[in-house]
Amino acid sequence: MSKYDKLQIQKGATDRARGPGRPRGGKSSDPNFVSTTILLRKDQKKRLQMRALDEGLDLSDVVGTLLEAWLEGEVKI
């Protein structure tokens, strides 16, 4: 057995032995998405979170939809 084979076996064992945490997949591992930071007023963020939760939406989906509408010229600021 080569060193490479042993490493692959060890890697597979550690992948299976992963404990609790975020599951793989989703937006954070999608190459079409990038993480960024923005500043919001506290009251706006709270209202955004509550409204998104009420409508069953993800915050990034809300922001992405509004941003796309602005970029397409559908919304004026």
C-alpha atoms as a PDB file:
ATOM      1  CA  MET A   1       0.000   0.000   0.000  1.00  0.00           C
ATOM      2  CA  SER A   2       1.410   3.404  -0.978  1.00  0.00           C
ATOM      3  CA  LYS A   3       1.623   6.478   1.258  1.00  0.00           C
ATOM      4  CA  TYR A   4      -1.080   8.046  -0.890  1.00  0.00           C
ATOM      5  CA  ASP A   5      -3.451   5.125  -0.279  1.00  0.00           C
ATOM      6  CA  LYS A   6      -2.847   5.364   3.457  1.00  0.00           C
ATOM      7  CA  LEU A   7      -3.549   9.115   3.403  1.00  0.00           C
ATOM      8  CA  GLN A   8      -6.785   8.572   1.497  1.00  0.00           C
ATOM      9  CA  ILE A   9      -7.905   5.950   3.989  1.00  0.00           C
ATOM     10  CA  GLN A  10      -7.058   8.238   6.918  1.00  0.00           C
ATOM     11  CA  LYS A  11      -8.798  11.172   5.261  1.00  0.00           C
ATOM     12  CA  GLY A  12     -11.912   9.084   4.656  1.00  0.00           C
ATOM     13  CA  ALA A  13     -11.921   7.981   8.279  1.00  0.00           C
ATOM     14  CA  THR A  14     -11.746  11.562   9.519  1.00  0.00           C
ATOM     15  CA  ASP A  15     -14.486  12.683   7.146  1.00  0.00           C
ATOM     16  CA  ARG A  16     -16.800  10.016   8.502  1.00  0.00           C
ATOM     17  CA  ALA A  17     -15.834  10.786  12.088  1.00  0.00           C
ATOM     18  CA  ARG A  18     -16.831  14.433  11.853  1.00  0.00           C
ATOM     19  CA  GLY A  19     -18.805  15.535  14.824  1.00  0.00           C
ATOM     20  CA  PRO A  20     -21.592  18.073  15.106  1.00  0.00           C
ATOM     21  CA  GLY A  21     -21.403  21.248  13.127  1.00  0.00           C
ATOM     22  CA  ARG A  22     -22.621  22.648   9.861  1.00  0.00           C
ATOM     23  CA  PRO A  23     -23.352  20.086   7.199  1.00  0.00           C
ATOM     24  CA  ARG A  24     -21.362  20.343   3.998  1.00  0.00           C
ATOM     25  CA  GLY A  25     -23.048  22.070   1.135  1.00  0.00           C
ATOM     26  CA  GLY A  26     -25.179  25.151   1.004  1.00  0.00           C
ATOM     27  CA  LYS A  27     -24.230  28.656  -0.018  1.00  0.00           C
ATOM     28  CA  SER A  28     -21.013  28.796   1.972  1.00  0.00           C
ATOM     29  CA  SER A  29     -19.481  26.063  -0.174  1.00  0.00           C
ATOM     30  CA  ASP A  30     -21.069  27.171  -3.454  1.00  0.00           C
ATOM     31  CA  PRO A  31     -18.434  28.835  -5.684  1.00  0.00           C
ATOM     32  CA  ASN A  32     -21.090  31.238  -7.024  1.00  0.00           C
ATOM     33  CA  PHE A  33     -21.443  32.865  -3.596  1.00  0.00           C
ATOM     34  CA  VAL A  34     -19.019  35.034  -1.650  1.00  0.00           C
ATOM     35  CA  SER A  35     -19.202  36.098   1.981  1.00  0.00           C
ATOM     36  CA  THR A  36     -19.216  39.824   2.666  1.00  0.00           C
ATOM     37  CA  THR A  37     -19.843  42.208   5.540  1.00  0.00           C
ATOM     38  CA  ILE A  38     -22.142  45.215   5.522  1.00  0.00           C
ATOM     39  CA  LEU A  39     -23.146  47.700   8.188  1.00  0.00           C
ATOM     40  CA  LEU A  40     -26.829  48.001   9.032  1.00  0.00           C
ATOM     41  CA  ARG A  41     -28.597  49.993  11.668  1.00  0.00           C
ATOM     42  CA  LYS A  42     -29.582  47.739  14.567  1.00  0.00           C
ATOM     43  CA  ASP A  43     -33.285  48.438  14.139  1.00  0.00           C
ATOM     44  CA  GLN A  44     -33.119  47.637  10.408  1.00  0.00           C
ATOM     45  CA  LYS A  45     -31.334  44.349  11.024  1.00  0.00           C
ATOM     46  CA  LYS A  46     -33.867  43.289  13.647  1.00  0.00           C
ATOM     47  CA  ARG A  47     -36.797  44.139  11.350  1.00  0.00           C
ATOM     48  CA  LEU A  48     -35.075  42.360   8.439  1.00  0.00           C
ATOM     49  CA  GLN A  49     -34.544  39.227  10.510  1.00  0.00           C
ATOM     50  CA  MET A  50     -38.133  39.204  11.788  1.00  0.00           C
ATOM     51  CA  ARG A  51     -39.672  39.767   8.353  1.00  0.00           C
ATOM     52  CA  ALA A  52     -37.457  37.154   6.686  1.00  0.00           C
ATOM     53  CA  LEU A  53     -38.311  34.646   9.412  1.00  0.00           C
ATOM     54  CA  ASP A  54     -42.032  35.379   9.071  1.00  0.00           C
ATOM     55  CA  GLU A  55     -41.823  34.758   5.322  1.00  0.00           C
ATOM     56  CA  GLY A  56     -39.514  31.749   5.605  1.00  0.00           C
ATOM     57  CA  LEU A  57     -36.703  33.473   3.741  1.00  0.00           C
ATOM     58  CA  ASP A  58     -32.950  33.482   4.190  1.00  0.00           C
ATOM     59  CA  LEU A  59     -31.382  36.925   4.769  1.00  0.00           C
ATOM     60  CA  SER A  60     -29.017  36.473   1.842  1.00  0.00           C
ATOM     61  CA  ASP A  61     -31.980  35.677  -0.433  1.00  0.00           C
ATOM     62  CA  VAL A  62     -33.744  38.891   0.599  1.00  0.00           C
ATOM     63  CA  VAL A  63     -30.643  41.036   0.128  1.00  0.00           C
ATOM     64  CA  GLY A  64     -29.753  39.283  -3.135  1.00  0.00           C
ATOM     65  CA  THR A  65     -33.224  39.810  -4.591  1.00  0.00           C
ATOM     66  CA  LEU A  66     -33.274  43.490  -3.653  1.00  0.00           C
ATOM     67  CA  LEU A  67     -29.742  44.021  -4.932  1.00  0.00           C
ATOM     68  CA  GLU A  68     -30.549  42.353  -8.255  1.00  0.00           C
ATOM     69  CA  ALA A  69     -33.645  44.553  -8.664  1.00  0.00           C
ATOM     70  CA  TRP A  70     -31.507  47.650  -8.058  1.00  0.00           C
ATOM     71  CA  LEU A  71     -28.786  46.484 -10.459  1.00  0.00           C
ATOM     72  CA  GLU A  72     -31.424  45.888 -13.159  1.00  0.00           C
ATOM     73  CA  GLY A  73     -32.752  49.418 -12.668  1.00  0.00           C
ATOM     74  CA  GLU A  74     -36.076  48.220 -11.259  1.00  0.00           C
ATOM     75  CA  VAL A  75     -35.499  50.025  -7.962  1.00  0.00           C
ATOM     76  CA  LYS A  76     -34.201  53.563  -7.541  1.00  0.00           C
ATOM     77  CA  ILE A  77     -32.297  54.671  -4.440  1.00  0.00           C
END
